[in-house]
């Protein structure tokens, strides 16, 4: 988002008065797929003309913690921080922040932004397939792709519900699998999942989930004409009969 010139001029004195600054726009953290935690060091500087005392550090997420190398930074002095990110079940790009409280009245809170990029080893698309209640129980497909550096085999699948049958085939060995799901009927509301087991050496990728459901169609959607209803309307017949015009006297 671009700031308007007037807004930029309004914020300029506040930006200029900030003392503690990172040497970069944000801190990049790039753990490996197998990492449980990732540590990173970052540098910053007191650009002000007065000493700045660090009073408190607080993370916006329990997954991220940080420390600075000393409590007080003199004007022009550089410092070093260390951060640790707990990867857990996170994947993809995550934006997190550390909030630093200082004794500088012009910068009482200094926000340190972090961008964590966690490699994805397995993609399940779509993450959920669904059928409307009483819809024709036609088969639907879920694609599982192994997108990491190493090939991963899908070795077993189990379902949490018995009323949805499934089968799978290997499209590309160790790289892509197609799972076909077919409900035995759609007369009952059902929410379930397929449990996917792989031979990955990384614990968090050894088990994945693909969700499915038989759900009630929203009333607003049910009220809309289906494609079949539109096609079935005889040619030349309007969707709505024209209103009768009063006869001229």
Protein backbone atom coordinates (compact mmCIF):
# COMPACT_ATOMS: atom_id res chain seq x y z
CA UNK A 1 0.00 0.00 0.00
CA UNK A 2 1.39 3.42 -0.96
CA UNK A 3 1.24 6.28 1.51
CA UNK A 4 -0.15 9.59 0.33
CA UNK A 5 2.33 12.49 0.31
CA UNK A 6 0.51 14.29 3.12
CA UNK A 7 0.47 11.17 5.29
CA UNK A 8 4.13 10.50 4.58
CA UNK A 9 5.02 14.05 5.61
CA UNK A 10 3.00 13.63 8.81
CA UNK A 11 4.83 10.42 9.71
CA UNK A 12 8.29 11.67 8.72
CA UNK A 13 9.13 13.30 12.10
CA UNK A 14 8.14 10.10 13.90
CA UNK A 15 10.18 7.93 11.53
CA UNK A 16 13.18 10.24 11.74
CA UNK A 17 13.15 10.22 15.54
CA UNK A 18 13.32 6.42 15.79
CA UNK A 19 16.64 5.44 17.33
CA UNK A 20 16.79 1.65 17.22
CA UNK A 21 16.92 0.31 13.67
CA UNK A 22 17.55 -3.04 12.04
CA UNK A 23 20.29 -3.18 9.42
CA UNK A 24 17.66 -4.73 7.09
CA UNK A 25 13.92 -4.29 6.56
CA UNK A 26 13.13 -7.57 8.31
CA UNK A 27 14.87 -10.66 9.67
CA UNK A 28 14.74 -13.68 7.35
CA UNK A 29 14.51 -17.13 8.93
CA UNK A 30 14.82 -20.15 6.63
CA UNK A 31 14.69 -23.49 8.44
CA UNK A 32 15.26 -26.77 6.61
CA UNK A 33 12.30 -29.17 6.18
CA UNK A 34 13.65 -31.44 8.93
CA UNK A 35 14.36 -28.67 11.46
CA UNK A 36 12.32 -28.57 14.66
CA UNK A 37 13.77 -25.17 15.55
CA UNK A 38 15.68 -22.50 13.66
CA UNK A 39 18.07 -19.93 15.16
CA UNK A 40 19.13 -16.66 13.56
CA UNK A 41 21.24 -13.68 14.55
CA UNK A 42 20.47 -10.15 13.44
CA UNK A 43 22.16 -6.78 13.84
CA UNK A 44 20.85 -3.30 14.56
CA UNK A 45 22.04 0.17 15.56
CA UNK A 46 21.13 3.03 17.85
CA UNK A 47 20.82 5.84 15.33
CA UNK A 48 19.77 8.39 17.93
CA UNK A 49 21.79 10.90 19.91
CA UNK A 50 20.93 9.46 23.34
CA UNK A 51 21.52 6.10 25.05
CA UNK A 52 18.60 3.65 24.77
CA UNK A 53 17.84 1.14 27.50
CA UNK A 54 15.98 -2.06 26.62
CA UNK A 55 13.26 -2.67 29.19
CA UNK A 56 11.38 -5.70 27.89
CA UNK A 57 11.05 -8.06 24.91
CA UNK A 58 7.76 -9.72 24.03
CA UNK A 59 6.85 -11.98 21.14
CA UNK A 60 3.53 -11.88 19.32
CA UNK A 61 3.75 -15.70 19.02
CA UNK A 62 4.90 -18.37 21.47
CA UNK A 63 6.75 -19.94 18.52
CA UNK A 64 9.28 -17.07 18.43
CA UNK A 65 11.65 -15.83 21.14
CA UNK A 66 14.57 -13.39 21.06
CA UNK A 67 17.32 -11.88 23.18
CA UNK A 68 19.62 -8.87 22.70
CA UNK A 69 23.30 -8.84 23.62
CA UNK A 70 23.13 -6.01 26.19
CA UNK A 71 20.61 -3.79 28.02
CA UNK A 72 21.87 -0.32 26.97
CA UNK A 73 23.04 0.96 23.58
CA UNK A 74 24.98 4.20 23.27
CA UNK A 75 24.41 6.64 20.38
CA UNK A 76 25.82 5.12 17.18
CA UNK A 77 26.43 1.76 18.85
CA UNK A 78 25.63 -1.48 17.04
CA UNK A 79 24.07 -4.50 18.70
CA UNK A 80 23.32 -8.13 17.99
CA UNK A 81 20.17 -10.11 18.65
CA UNK A 82 19.47 -13.84 18.60
CA UNK A 83 16.09 -15.33 17.77
CA UNK A 84 14.75 -18.87 17.85
CA UNK A 85 11.70 -20.07 15.93
CA UNK A 86 9.89 -23.31 16.82
CA UNK A 87 8.81 -24.79 13.50
CA UNK A 88 6.17 -27.19 14.82
CA UNK A 89 3.46 -27.75 12.18
CA UNK A 90 4.04 -24.42 10.39
CA UNK A 91 4.62 -24.52 6.64
CA UNK A 92 5.08 -21.88 3.97
CA UNK A 93 5.74 -18.21 4.75
CA UNK A 94 4.99 -16.92 8.24
CA UNK A 95 5.22 -13.31 9.42
CA UNK A 96 6.01 -12.83 13.11
CA UNK A 97 7.16 -9.92 15.28
CA UNK A 98 9.14 -9.21 18.44
CA UNK A 99 8.06 -6.11 20.39
CA UNK A 100 10.86 -4.33 22.27
CA UNK A 101 9.99 -1.83 25.02
CA UNK A 102 12.60 0.92 25.50
CA UNK A 103 13.08 3.98 27.73
CA UNK A 104 13.17 6.25 24.66
CA UNK A 105 10.08 8.52 24.82
CA UNK A 106 10.29 8.90 21.04
CA UNK A 107 10.33 5.13 20.46
CA UNK A 108 8.77 3.42 23.43
CA UNK A 109 8.07 0.32 21.33
CA UNK A 110 10.44 -0.99 18.70
CA UNK A 111 8.91 -3.71 16.49
CA UNK A 112 11.30 -6.24 14.92
CA UNK A 113 9.62 -8.03 11.98
CA UNK A 114 10.54 -11.61 11.04
CA UNK A 115 9.67 -13.50 7.86
CA UNK A 116 9.97 -17.26 8.31
CA UNK A 117 9.99 -19.38 5.15
CA UNK A 118 9.38 -23.06 5.88
CA UNK A 119 9.80 -25.46 2.95
CA UNK A 120 6.74 -27.53 2.05
CA UNK A 121 7.46 -31.21 1.41
CA UNK A 122 3.92 -32.47 0.79
CA UNK A 123 0.95 -30.72 -0.84
CA UNK A 124 -2.62 -32.06 -0.56
CA UNK A 125 -5.07 -30.44 -2.99
CA UNK A 126 -7.85 -29.83 -2.35
CA UNK A 127 -7.51 -30.04 1.39
CA UNK A 128 -11.22 -30.95 1.62
CA UNK A 129 -13.72 -32.42 -0.84
CA UNK A 130 -17.43 -32.29 -0.17
CA UNK A 131 -20.82 -33.35 -1.45
CA UNK A 132 -24.18 -31.74 -0.78
CA UNK A 133 -26.71 -33.72 1.19
CA UNK A 134 -28.70 -35.98 -1.20
CA UNK A 135 -26.42 -35.04 -4.10
CA UNK A 136 -25.50 -37.75 -6.60
CA UNK A 137 -22.56 -39.62 -5.00
CA UNK A 138 -20.06 -39.07 -7.78
CA UNK A 139 -16.33 -39.72 -7.27
CA UNK A 140 -13.98 -36.84 -6.49
CA UNK A 141 -10.19 -36.72 -6.60
CA UNK A 142 -7.51 -35.49 -4.21
CA UNK A 143 -3.98 -35.01 -5.54
CA UNK A 144 -1.01 -35.55 -3.22
CA UNK A 145 2.31 -34.13 -4.44
CA UNK A 146 5.73 -34.63 -2.89
CA UNK A 147 7.39 -31.30 -3.66
CA UNK A 148 10.49 -31.51 -1.47
CA UNK A 149 13.98 -32.39 -2.60
CA UNK A 150 13.56 -36.07 -1.72
CA UNK A 151 10.92 -38.43 -3.09
CA UNK A 152 8.34 -39.62 -0.55
CA UNK A 153 6.14 -42.68 -0.99
CA UNK A 154 2.50 -42.86 0.08
CA UNK A 155 2.43 -46.25 1.79
CA UNK A 156 -0.99 -46.49 3.42
CA UNK A 157 -4.37 -44.76 3.69
CA UNK A 158 -7.12 -45.26 6.27
CA UNK A 159 -10.46 -43.51 6.60
CA UNK A 160 -12.23 -42.26 9.71
CA UNK A 161 -15.63 -43.01 8.11
CA UNK A 162 -16.88 -46.23 6.52
CA UNK A 163 -19.49 -44.67 4.25
CA UNK A 164 -16.88 -43.14 1.90
CA UNK A 165 -14.89 -45.55 -0.28
CA UNK A 166 -11.46 -44.61 -1.60
CA UNK A 167 -8.71 -45.86 -3.86
CA UNK A 168 -5.37 -44.41 -4.89
CA UNK A 169 -2.84 -44.75 -7.65
CA UNK A 170 0.74 -43.65 -8.09
CA UNK A 171 0.93 -41.05 -10.87
CA UNK A 172 4.67 -40.38 -10.55
CA UNK A 173 6.72 -42.70 -8.32
CA UNK A 174 7.50 -40.96 -5.05
CA UNK A 175 6.19 -37.64 -6.39
CA UNK A 176 2.45 -37.66 -7.13
CA UNK A 177 -0.56 -39.73 -6.08
CA UNK A 178 -4.24 -39.51 -7.01
CA UNK A 179 -6.83 -40.50 -4.42
CA UNK A 180 -10.41 -41.10 -5.55
CA UNK A 181 -13.20 -40.79 -2.96
CA UNK A 182 -16.77 -42.00 -3.55
CA UNK A 183 -19.52 -41.88 -0.91
CA UNK A 184 -21.77 -44.96 -0.66
CA UNK A 185 -24.65 -42.51 -0.25
CA UNK A 186 -25.17 -38.84 0.54
CA UNK A 187 -28.29 -39.18 2.68
CA UNK A 188 -26.49 -38.52 5.99
CA UNK A 189 -24.35 -35.58 7.05
CA UNK A 190 -20.75 -36.79 7.40
CA UNK A 191 -17.43 -35.20 8.29
CA UNK A 192 -14.31 -37.32 8.08
CA UNK A 193 -10.71 -37.60 6.96
CA UNK A 194 -8.28 -39.84 5.18
CA UNK A 195 -5.14 -40.55 7.18
CA UNK A 196 -2.19 -40.61 4.80
CA UNK A 197 0.95 -42.47 5.88
CA UNK A 198 4.26 -41.90 4.10
CA UNK A 199 7.82 -43.18 4.34
CA UNK A 200 9.21 -39.68 4.97
CA UNK A 201 12.19 -39.48 7.31
CA UNK A 202 10.79 -36.23 8.72
CA UNK A 203 8.30 -37.00 11.53
CA UNK A 204 5.81 -34.23 10.73
CA UNK A 205 5.51 -35.45 7.12
CA UNK A 206 4.98 -39.10 8.04
CA UNK A 207 1.26 -38.48 8.55
CA UNK A 208 -1.00 -36.13 6.59
CA UNK A 209 -4.76 -35.60 6.44
CA UNK A 210 -7.20 -35.15 3.55
CA UNK A 211 -10.66 -34.10 4.71
CA UNK A 212 -14.07 -34.90 3.22
CA UNK A 213 -17.65 -34.07 4.07
CA UNK A 214 -21.31 -34.53 3.15
CA UNK A 215 -22.98 -31.30 4.20
CA UNK A 216 -26.28 -29.52 3.97
CA UNK A 217 -26.57 -27.12 1.05
CA UNK A 218 -26.95 -23.47 2.16
CA UNK A 219 -30.49 -22.19 1.64
CA UNK A 220 -29.34 -19.26 -0.50
CA UNK A 221 -27.50 -21.66 -2.83
CA UNK A 222 -30.35 -24.15 -2.88
CA UNK A 223 -32.72 -21.42 -4.06
CA UNK A 224 -30.59 -20.69 -7.13
CA UNK A 225 -31.59 -22.49 -10.35
CA UNK A 226 -29.18 -25.21 -11.39
CA UNK A 227 -27.58 -25.34 -14.80
CA UNK A 228 -29.91 -28.19 -15.71
CA UNK A 229 -32.97 -26.12 -14.85
CA UNK A 230 -31.80 -23.26 -17.05
CA UNK A 231 -31.02 -25.55 -19.99
CA UNK A 232 -34.35 -27.37 -19.62
CA UNK A 233 -36.37 -24.15 -20.06
CA UNK A 234 -37.95 -24.16 -23.54
CA UNK A 235 -36.45 -21.72 -26.01
CA UNK A 236 -38.29 -18.44 -26.25
CA UNK A 237 -39.90 -18.77 -22.83
CA UNK A 238 -38.66 -15.97 -20.49
CA UNK A 239 -37.49 -16.78 -16.98
CA UNK A 240 -40.25 -14.56 -15.65
CA UNK A 241 -43.59 -13.97 -17.36
CA UNK A 242 -43.97 -10.35 -18.52
CA UNK A 243 -46.42 -8.24 -16.58
CA UNK A 244 -49.73 -7.54 -18.35
CA UNK A 245 -50.00 -3.99 -19.66
CA UNK A 246 -53.27 -2.12 -19.05
CA UNK A 247 -55.40 -1.71 -22.17
CA UNK A 248 -55.53 1.78 -23.68
CA UNK A 249 -58.93 3.46 -23.25
